[in-house]
Amino acid sequence: AICPTSCCAMWGCAPLVDCLTSLPCKHIPCTPCDPNARNPLWFCAQPAGWAASFGQLHTVMALVKNGADPAELNLAGNNAYSDAGRERHG
């Protein structure tokens, strides 16, 4: 299953993503609160990449504020910057 944070990031639910990723459990890898959680079913993509792909700027900003690394590459060699550029959001 896909990480709920990734789903919320795709849909642009910035307030919910901000709330989830600001919780103390965000420091536990692979939890729904981890702003850098990876989706093993899709090239280990991260929520910031999904949000960037869908043009959800405010969600990307919330993720970065809470510790997401937009420059970190997924297994396909993309990051939030290249995802946004590929979809012409950059």
PDB file of N, CA and C in Angstrom:
ATOM      1  N   ALA A   1       0.840  -1.192   0.000  1.00  0.00           N
ATOM      2  CA  ALA A   1       0.000   0.000   0.000  1.00  0.00           C
ATOM      3  C   ALA A   1       0.879   1.249   0.000  1.00  0.00           C
ATOM      4  N   ILE A   2       0.342   2.301  -0.547  1.00  0.00           N
ATOM      5  CA  ILE A   2       1.075   3.570  -0.604  1.00  0.00           C
ATOM      6  C   ILE A   2       0.970   4.282   0.742  1.00  0.00           C
ATOM      7  N   CYS A   3       1.999   5.008   1.071  1.00  0.00           N
ATOM      8  CA  CYS A   3       2.044   5.757   2.322  1.00  0.00           C
ATOM      9  C   CYS A   3       0.937   6.810   2.339  1.00  0.00           C
ATOM     10  N   PRO A   4       0.186   6.929   3.432  1.00  0.00           N
ATOM     11  CA  PRO A   4      -0.871   7.947   3.491  1.00  0.00           C
ATOM     12  C   PRO A   4      -0.336   9.366   3.314  1.00  0.00           C
ATOM     13  N   THR A   5       0.900   9.609   3.746  1.00  0.00           N
ATOM     14  CA  THR A   5       1.475  10.946   3.559  1.00  0.00           C
ATOM     15  C   THR A   5       1.692  11.233   2.084  1.00  0.00           C
ATOM     16  N   SER A   6       2.093  10.216   1.316  1.00  0.00           N
ATOM     17  CA  SER A   6       2.263  10.399  -0.128  1.00  0.00           C
ATOM     18  C   SER A   6       0.927  10.685  -0.799  1.00  0.00           C
ATOM     19  N   CYS A   7      -0.116   9.964  -0.394  1.00  0.00           N
ATOM     20  CA  CYS A   7      -1.455  10.214  -0.959  1.00  0.00           C
ATOM     21  C   CYS A   7      -1.910  11.641  -0.660  1.00  0.00           C
ATOM     22  N   CYS A   8      -1.763  12.056   0.566  1.00  0.00           N
ATOM     23  CA  CYS A   8      -2.162  13.416   0.949  1.00  0.00           C
ATOM     24  C   CYS A   8      -1.320  14.456   0.220  1.00  0.00           C
ATOM     25  N   ALA A   9      -0.043  14.135  -0.015  1.00  0.00           N
ATOM     26  CA  ALA A   9       0.832  15.056  -0.739  1.00  0.00           C
ATOM     27  C   ALA A   9       0.377  15.197  -2.188  1.00  0.00           C
ATOM     28  N   MET A  10       0.008  14.090  -2.823  1.00  0.00           N
ATOM     29  CA  MET A  10      -0.481  14.133  -4.212  1.00  0.00           C
ATOM     30  C   MET A  10      -1.740  14.977  -4.320  1.00  0.00           C
ATOM     31  N   TRP A  11      -2.608  14.828  -3.346  1.00  0.00           N
ATOM     32  CA  TRP A  11      -3.904  15.515  -3.376  1.00  0.00           C
ATOM     33  C   TRP A  11      -3.807  16.969  -2.920  1.00  0.00           C
ATOM     34  N   GLY A  12      -2.647  17.373  -2.413  1.00  0.00           N
ATOM     35  CA  GLY A  12      -2.478  18.768  -2.001  1.00  0.00           C
ATOM     36  C   GLY A  12      -3.083  19.104  -0.663  1.00  0.00           C
ATOM     37  N   CYS A  13      -3.151  18.138   0.220  1.00  0.00           N
ATOM     38  CA  CYS A  13      -3.703  18.369   1.560  1.00  0.00           C
ATOM     39  C   CYS A  13      -2.616  18.940   2.467  1.00  0.00           C
ATOM     40  N   ALA A  14      -2.158  20.141   2.154  1.00  0.00           N
ATOM     41  CA  ALA A  14      -1.029  20.750   2.868  1.00  0.00           C
ATOM     42  C   ALA A  14      -1.245  20.831   4.382  1.00  0.00           C
ATOM     43  N   PRO A  15      -2.410  21.278   4.879  1.00  0.00           N
ATOM     44  CA  PRO A  15      -2.582  21.355   6.338  1.00  0.00           C
ATOM     45  C   PRO A  15      -2.463  19.985   7.018  1.00  0.00           C
ATOM     46  N   LEU A  16      -3.015  18.949   6.398  1.00  0.00           N
ATOM     47  CA  LEU A  16      -2.937  17.608   6.980  1.00  0.00           C
ATOM     48  C   LEU A  16      -1.498  17.084   6.926  1.00  0.00           C
ATOM     49  N   VAL A  17      -0.825  17.289   5.808  1.00  0.00           N
ATOM     50  CA  VAL A  17       0.570  16.864   5.677  1.00  0.00           C
ATOM     51  C   VAL A  17       1.438  17.604   6.693  1.00  0.00           C
ATOM     52  N   ASP A  18       1.191  18.881   6.861  1.00  0.00           N
ATOM     53  CA  ASP A  18       1.938  19.667   7.840  1.00  0.00           C
ATOM     54  C   ASP A  18       1.717  19.115   9.241  1.00  0.00           C
ATOM     55  N   CYS A  19       0.481  18.809   9.570  1.00  0.00           N
ATOM     56  CA  CYS A  19       0.154  18.268  10.894  1.00  0.00           C
ATOM     57  C   CYS A  19       0.836  16.914  11.101  1.00  0.00           C
ATOM     58  N   LEU A  20       0.705  16.013  10.143  1.00  0.00           N
ATOM     59  CA  LEU A  20       1.307  14.676  10.256  1.00  0.00           C
ATOM     60  C   LEU A  20       2.819  14.732  10.402  1.00  0.00           C
ATOM     61  N   THR A  21       3.458  15.515   9.545  1.00  0.00           N
ATOM     62  CA  THR A  21       4.923  15.513   9.503  1.00  0.00           C
ATOM     63  C   THR A  21       5.563  16.416  10.554  1.00  0.00           C
ATOM     64  N   SER A  22       4.749  17.062  11.371  1.00  0.00           N
ATOM     65  CA  SER A  22       5.310  17.857  12.468  1.00  0.00           C
ATOM     66  C   SER A  22       5.195  17.126  13.803  1.00  0.00           C
ATOM     67  N   LEU A  23       4.607  15.939  13.804  1.00  0.00           N
ATOM     68  CA  LEU A  23       4.474  15.153  15.030  1.00  0.00           C
ATOM     69  C   LEU A  23       5.830  14.597  15.464  1.00  0.00           C
ATOM     70  N   PRO A  24       5.992  14.327  16.758  1.00  0.00           N
ATOM     71  CA  PRO A  24       7.280  13.804  17.236  1.00  0.00           C
ATOM     72  C   PRO A  24       7.709  12.493  16.576  1.00  0.00           C
ATOM     73  N   CYS A  25       6.755  11.682  16.131  1.00  0.00           N
ATOM     74  CA  CYS A  25       7.114  10.401  15.519  1.00  0.00           C
ATOM     75  C   CYS A  25       7.708  10.559  14.123  1.00  0.00           C
ATOM     76  N   LYS A  26       7.834  11.786  13.618  1.00  0.00           N
ATOM     77  CA  LYS A  26       8.393  11.998  12.282  1.00  0.00           C
ATOM     78  C   LYS A  26       9.837  11.531  12.181  1.00  0.00           C
ATOM     79  N   HIS A  27      10.495  11.350  13.314  1.00  0.00           N
ATOM     80  CA  HIS A  27      11.887  10.917  13.320  1.00  0.00           C
ATOM     81  C   HIS A  27      12.022   9.402  13.240  1.00  0.00           C
ATOM     82  N   ILE A  28      10.890   8.690  13.237  1.00  0.00           N
ATOM     83  CA  ILE A  28      10.916   7.235  13.097  1.00  0.00           C
ATOM     84  C   ILE A  28      10.754   6.923  11.614  1.00  0.00           C
ATOM     85  N   PRO A  29      11.784   6.356  10.983  1.00  0.00           N
ATOM     86  CA  PRO A  29      11.724   6.096   9.538  1.00  0.00           C
ATOM     87  C   PRO A  29      10.531   5.223   9.150  1.00  0.00           C
ATOM     88  N   CYS A  30       9.980   5.516   8.002  1.00  0.00           N
ATOM     89  CA  CYS A  30       8.903   4.736   7.380  1.00  0.00           C
ATOM     90  C   CYS A  30       7.571   4.791   8.122  1.00  0.00           C
ATOM     91  N   THR A  31       7.394   5.768   9.002  1.00  0.00           N
ATOM     92  CA  THR A  31       6.080   5.955   9.614  1.00  0.00           C
ATOM     93  C   THR A  31       5.304   6.953   8.767  1.00  0.00           C
ATOM     94  N   PRO A  32       3.986   6.993   8.889  1.00  0.00           N
ATOM     95  CA  PRO A  32       3.209   7.973   8.120  1.00  0.00           C
ATOM     96  C   PRO A  32       3.587   9.414   8.444  1.00  0.00           C
ATOM     97  N   CYS A  33       4.276   9.625   9.550  1.00  0.00           N
ATOM     98  CA  CYS A  33       4.673  10.973   9.948  1.00  0.00           C
ATOM     99  C   CYS A  33       6.042  11.372   9.397  1.00  0.00           C
ATOM    100  N   ASP A  34       6.757  10.450   8.810  1.00  0.00           N
ATOM    101  CA  ASP A  34       8.100  10.709   8.295  1.00  0.00           C
ATOM    102  C   ASP A  34       7.999  11.488   6.977  1.00  0.00           C
ATOM    103  N   PRO A  35       8.491  12.729   6.926  1.00  0.00           N
ATOM    104  CA  PRO A  35       8.390  13.510   5.693  1.00  0.00           C
ATOM    105  C   PRO A  35       9.250  12.949   4.555  1.00  0.00           C
ATOM    106  N   ASN A  36      10.134  12.000   4.876  1.00  0.00           N
ATOM    107  CA  ASN A  36      10.976  11.369   3.857  1.00  0.00           C
ATOM    108  C   ASN A  36      10.617   9.899   3.645  1.00  0.00           C
ATOM    109  N   ALA A  37       9.398   9.498   4.065  1.00  0.00           N
ATOM    110  CA  ALA A  37       8.970   8.107   3.895  1.00  0.00           C
ATOM    111  C   ALA A  37       9.036   7.728   2.420  1.00  0.00           C
ATOM    112  N   ARG A  38       9.433   6.490   2.150  1.00  0.00           N
ATOM    113  CA  ARG A  38       9.589   6.042   0.762  1.00  0.00           C
ATOM    114  C   ARG A  38       8.519   5.020   0.412  1.00  0.00           C
ATOM    115  N   ASN A  39       8.041   5.081  -0.813  1.00  0.00           N
ATOM    116  CA  ASN A  39       7.055   4.132  -1.313  1.00  0.00           C
ATOM    117  C   ASN A  39       7.792   3.021  -2.056  1.00  0.00           C
ATOM    118  N   PRO A  40       7.918   1.843  -1.448  1.00  0.00           N
ATOM    119  CA  PRO A  40       8.662   0.762  -2.086  1.00  0.00           C
ATOM    120  C   PRO A  40       7.999   0.234  -3.355  1.00  0.00           C
ATOM    121  N   LEU A  41       6.728   0.534  -3.559  1.00  0.00           N
ATOM    122  CA  LEU A  41       6.027   0.061  -4.750  1.00  0.00           C
ATOM    123  C   LEU A  41       6.236   0.964  -5.956  1.00  0.00           C
ATOM    124  N   TRP A  42       6.854   2.138  -5.760  1.00  0.00           N
ATOM    125  CA  TRP A  42       7.061   3.068  -6.868  1.00  0.00           C
ATOM    126  C   TRP A  42       8.427   3.733  -6.757  1.00  0.00           C
ATOM    127  N   PHE A  43       9.472   2.995  -7.038  1.00  0.00           N
ATOM    128  CA  PHE A  43      10.845   3.504  -7.092  1.00  0.00           C
ATOM    129  C   PHE A  43      11.283   4.208  -5.808  1.00  0.00           C
ATOM    130  N   CYS A  44      10.710   3.815  -4.682  1.00  0.00           N
ATOM    131  CA  CYS A  44      11.014   4.443  -3.387  1.00  0.00           C
ATOM    132  C   CYS A  44      10.825   5.964  -3.444  1.00  0.00           C
ATOM    133  N   ALA A  45       9.744   6.380  -4.111  1.00  0.00           N
ATOM    134  CA  ALA A  45       9.413   7.806  -4.206  1.00  0.00           C
ATOM    135  C   ALA A  45       9.012   8.343  -2.842  1.00  0.00           C
ATOM    136  N   GLN A  46       9.234   9.633  -2.645  1.00  0.00           N
ATOM    137  CA  GLN A  46       8.938  10.299  -1.382  1.00  0.00           C
ATOM    138  C   GLN A  46       7.769  11.272  -1.547  1.00  0.00           C
ATOM    139  N   PRO A  47       7.117  11.644  -0.436  1.00  0.00           N
ATOM    140  CA  PRO A  47       5.986  12.568  -0.508  1.00  0.00           C
ATOM    141  C   PRO A  47       6.303  13.881  -1.229  1.00  0.00           C
ATOM    142  N   ALA A  48       7.496  14.427  -1.036  1.00  0.00           N
ATOM    143  CA  ALA A  48       7.831  15.703  -1.705  1.00  0.00           C
ATOM    144  C   ALA A  48       7.852  15.529  -3.224  1.00  0.00           C
ATOM    145  N   GLY A  49       8.301  14.389  -3.689  1.00  0.00           N
ATOM    146  CA  GLY A  49       8.298  14.119  -5.128  1.00  0.00           C
ATOM    147  C   GLY A  49       6.887  14.008  -5.678  1.00  0.00           C
ATOM    148  N   TRP A  50       6.029  13.328  -4.926  1.00  0.00           N
ATOM    149  CA  TRP A  50       4.629  13.216  -5.365  1.00  0.00           C
ATOM    150  C   TRP A  50       3.972  14.591  -5.399  1.00  0.00           C
ATOM    151  N   ALA A  51       4.163  15.366  -4.354  1.00  0.00           N
ATOM    152  CA  ALA A  51       3.563  16.704  -4.305  1.00  0.00           C
ATOM    153  C   ALA A  51       4.098  17.564  -5.448  1.00  0.00           C
ATOM    154  N   ALA A  52       5.387  17.494  -5.703  1.00  0.00           N
ATOM    155  CA  ALA A  52       5.987  18.282  -6.783  1.00  0.00           C
ATOM    156  C   ALA A  52       5.455  17.844  -8.148  1.00  0.00           C
ATOM    157  N   SER A  53       5.280  16.537  -8.335  1.00  0.00           N
ATOM    158  CA  SER A  53       4.755  16.023  -9.609  1.00  0.00           C
ATOM    159  C   SER A  53       3.360  16.551  -9.908  1.00  0.00           C
ATOM    160  N   PHE A  54       2.588  16.746  -8.851  1.00  0.00           N
ATOM    161  CA  PHE A  54       1.210  17.208  -9.019  1.00  0.00           C
ATOM    162  C   PHE A  54       1.062  18.710  -8.836  1.00  0.00           C
ATOM    163  N   GLY A  55       2.182  19.422  -8.717  1.00  0.00           N
ATOM    164  CA  GLY A  55       2.133  20.876  -8.616  1.00  0.00           C
ATOM    165  C   GLY A  55       1.602  21.393  -7.295  1.00  0.00           C
ATOM    166  N   GLN A  56       1.749  20.619  -6.247  1.00  0.00           N
ATOM    167  CA  GLN A  56       1.220  20.995  -4.931  1.00  0.00           C
ATOM    168  C   GLN A  56       2.287  21.752  -4.137  1.00  0.00           C
ATOM    169  N   LEU A  57       2.535  22.992  -4.512  1.00  0.00           N
ATOM    170  CA  LEU A  57       3.602  23.792  -3.931  1.00  0.00           C
ATOM    171  C   LEU A  57       3.488  23.943  -2.421  1.00  0.00           C
ATOM    172  N   HIS A  58       2.306  24.245  -1.908  1.00  0.00           N
ATOM    173  CA  HIS A  58       2.149  24.441  -0.472  1.00  0.00           C
ATOM    174  C   HIS A  58       2.416  23.152   0.308  1.00  0.00           C
ATOM    175  N   THR A  59       2.102  22.033  -0.306  1.00  0.00           N
ATOM    176  CA  THR A  59       2.391  20.754   0.338  1.00  0.00           C
ATOM    177  C   THR A  59       3.888  20.493   0.344  1.00  0.00           C
ATOM    178  N   VAL A  60       4.569  20.798  -0.752  1.00  0.00           N
ATOM    179  CA  VAL A  60       6.030  20.666  -0.790  1.00  0.00           C
ATOM    180  C   VAL A  60       6.648  21.553   0.293  1.00  0.00           C
ATOM    181  N   MET A  61       6.154  22.770   0.411  1.00  0.00           N
ATOM    182  CA  MET A  61       6.684  23.695   1.417  1.00  0.00           C
ATOM    183  C   MET A  61       6.482  23.152   2.837  1.00  0.00           C
ATOM    184  N   ALA A  62       5.319  22.555   3.115  1.00  0.00           N
ATOM    185  CA  ALA A  62       5.063  21.974   4.438  1.00  0.00           C
ATOM    186  C   ALA A  62       6.002  20.809   4.705  1.00  0.00           C
ATOM    187  N   LEU A  63       6.221  19.974   3.694  1.00  0.00           N
ATOM    188  CA  LEU A  63       7.123  18.834   3.864  1.00  0.00           C
ATOM    189  C   LEU A  63       8.554  19.292   4.134  1.00  0.00           C
ATOM    190  N   VAL A  64       9.025  20.263   3.372  1.00  0.00           N
ATOM    191  CA  VAL A  64      10.391  20.767   3.549  1.00  0.00           C
ATOM    192  C   VAL A  64      10.534  21.407   4.929  1.00  0.00           C
ATOM    193  N   LYS A  65       9.522  22.160   5.335  1.00  0.00           N
ATOM    194  CA  LYS A  65       9.547  22.792   6.664  1.00  0.00           C
ATOM    195  C   LYS A  65       9.716  21.755   7.768  1.00  0.00           C
ATOM    196  N   ASN A  66       9.146  20.569   7.543  1.00  0.00           N
ATOM    197  CA  ASN A  66       9.177  19.520   8.561  1.00  0.00           C
ATOM    198  C   ASN A  66      10.270  18.473   8.326  1.00  0.00           C
ATOM    199  N   GLY A  67      11.217  18.772   7.437  1.00  0.00           N
ATOM    200  CA  GLY A  67      12.386  17.909   7.315  1.00  0.00           C
ATOM    201  C   GLY A  67      12.559  17.136   6.031  1.00  0.00           C
ATOM    202  N   ALA A  68      11.640  17.270   5.078  1.00  0.00           N
ATOM    203  CA  ALA A  68      11.806  16.564   3.804  1.00  0.00           C
ATOM    204  C   ALA A  68      12.985  17.148   3.035  1.00  0.00           C
ATOM    205  N   ASP A  69      13.690  16.291   2.333  1.00  0.00           N
ATOM    206  CA  ASP A  69      14.831  16.709   1.516  1.00  0.00           C
ATOM    207  C   ASP A  69      14.423  16.657   0.048  1.00  0.00           C
ATOM    208  N   PRO A  70      14.103  17.801  -0.578  1.00  0.00           N
ATOM    209  CA  PRO A  70      13.633  17.789  -1.970  1.00  0.00           C
ATOM    210  C   PRO A  70      14.712  17.388  -2.963  1.00  0.00           C
ATOM    211  N   ALA A  71      15.962  17.380  -2.557  1.00  0.00           N
ATOM    212  CA  ALA A  71      17.062  17.024  -3.470  1.00  0.00           C
ATOM    213  C   ALA A  71      17.390  15.536  -3.438  1.00  0.00           C
ATOM    214  N   GLU A  72      16.813  14.796  -2.497  1.00  0.00           N
ATOM    215  CA  GLU A  72      17.126  13.367  -2.378  1.00  0.00           C
ATOM    216  C   GLU A  72      16.508  12.587  -3.545  1.00  0.00           C
ATOM    217  N   LEU A  73      17.304  11.738  -4.150  1.00  0.00           N
ATOM    218  CA  LEU A  73      16.867  10.986  -5.330  1.00  0.00           C
ATOM    219  C   LEU A  73      16.102   9.730  -4.943  1.00  0.00           C
ATOM    220  N   ASN A  74      15.111   9.389  -5.783  1.00  0.00           N
ATOM    221  CA  ASN A  74      14.451   8.098  -5.630  1.00  0.00           C
ATOM    222  C   ASN A  74      15.204   7.079  -6.499  1.00  0.00           C
ATOM    223  N   LEU A  75      14.744   5.854  -6.554  1.00  0.00           N
ATOM    224  CA  LEU A  75      15.460   4.825  -7.303  1.00  0.00           C
ATOM    225  C   LEU A  75      15.404   5.024  -8.817  1.00  0.00           C
ATOM    226  N   ALA A  76      14.506   5.874  -9.281  1.00  0.00           N
ATOM    227  CA  ALA A  76      14.435   6.186 -10.713  1.00  0.00           C
ATOM    228  C   ALA A  76      15.377   7.339 -11.063  1.00  0.00           C
ATOM    229  N   GLY A  77      16.065   7.880 -10.070  1.00  0.00           N
ATOM    230  CA  GLY A  77      17.001   8.972 -10.300  1.00  0.00           C
ATOM    231  C   GLY A  77      16.361  10.348 -10.318  1.00  0.00           C
ATOM    232  N   ASN A  78      15.128  10.441  -9.818  1.00  0.00           N
ATOM    233  CA  ASN A  78      14.424  11.724  -9.776  1.00  0.00           C
ATOM    234  C   ASN A  78      14.335  12.247  -8.350  1.00  0.00           C
ATOM    235  N   ASN A  79      14.168  13.561  -8.239  1.00  0.00           N
ATOM    236  CA  ASN A  79      13.898  14.187  -6.946  1.00  0.00           C
ATOM    237  C   ASN A  79      12.738  15.155  -7.140  1.00  0.00           C
ATOM    238  N   ALA A  80      12.387  15.891  -6.102  1.00  0.00           N
ATOM    239  CA  ALA A  80      11.240  16.799  -6.194  1.00  0.00           C
ATOM    240  C   ALA A  80      11.437  17.848  -7.283  1.00  0.00           C
ATOM    241  N   TYR A  81      12.674  18.308  -7.471  1.00  0.00           N
ATOM    242  CA  TYR A  81      12.946  19.316  -8.496  1.00  0.00           C
ATOM    243  C   TYR A  81      12.723  18.751  -9.900  1.00  0.00           C
ATOM    244  N   SER A  82      13.273  17.569 -10.153  1.00  0.00           N
ATOM    245  CA  SER A  82      13.122  16.988 -11.490  1.00  0.00           C
ATOM    246  C   SER A  82      11.683  16.533 -11.733  1.00  0.00           C
ATOM    247  N   ASP A  83      10.993  16.071 -10.673  1.00  0.00           N
ATOM    248  CA  ASP A  83       9.583  15.693 -10.816  1.00  0.00           C
ATOM    249  C   ASP A  83       8.743  16.899 -11.223  1.00  0.00           C
ATOM    250  N   ALA A  84       8.964  18.033 -10.564  1.00  0.00           N
ATOM    251  CA  ALA A  84       8.222  19.252 -10.899  1.00  0.00           C
ATOM    252  C   ALA A  84       8.553  19.710 -12.314  1.00  0.00           C
ATOM    253  N   GLY A  85       9.812  19.671 -12.682  1.00  0.00           N
ATOM    254  CA  GLY A  85      10.220  20.084 -14.025  1.00  0.00           C
ATOM    255  C   GLY A  85       9.651  19.193 -15.108  1.00  0.00           C
ATOM    256  N   ARG A  86       9.659  17.875 -14.865  1.00  0.00           N
ATOM    257  CA  ARG A  86       9.121  16.919 -15.838  1.00  0.00           C
ATOM    258  C   ARG A  86       7.644  17.190 -16.124  1.00  0.00           C
ATOM    259  N   GLU A  87       6.924  17.575 -15.094  1.00  0.00           N
ATOM    260  CA  GLU A  87       5.497  17.848 -15.243  1.00  0.00           C
ATOM    261  C   GLU A  87       5.216  19.320 -15.559  1.00  0.00           C
ATOM    262  N   ARG A  88       6.272  20.067 -15.808  1.00  0.00           N
ATOM    263  CA  ARG A  88       6.196  21.478 -16.179  1.00  0.00           C
ATOM    264  C   ARG A  88       5.595  22.360 -15.090  1.00  0.00           C
ATOM    265  N   HIS A  89       5.960  22.047 -13.843  1.00  0.00           N
ATOM    266  CA  HIS A  89       5.546  22.886 -12.718  1.00  0.00           C
ATOM    267  C   HIS A  89       6.682  23.780 -12.247  1.00  0.00           C
ATOM    268  N   GLY A  90       7.864  23.651 -12.869  1.00  0.00           N
ATOM    269  CA  GLY A  90       9.036  24.344 -12.372  1.00  0.00           C
ATOM    270  C   GLY A  90       9.353  25.588 -13.033  1.00  0.00           C
TER     271      GLY A  90
END
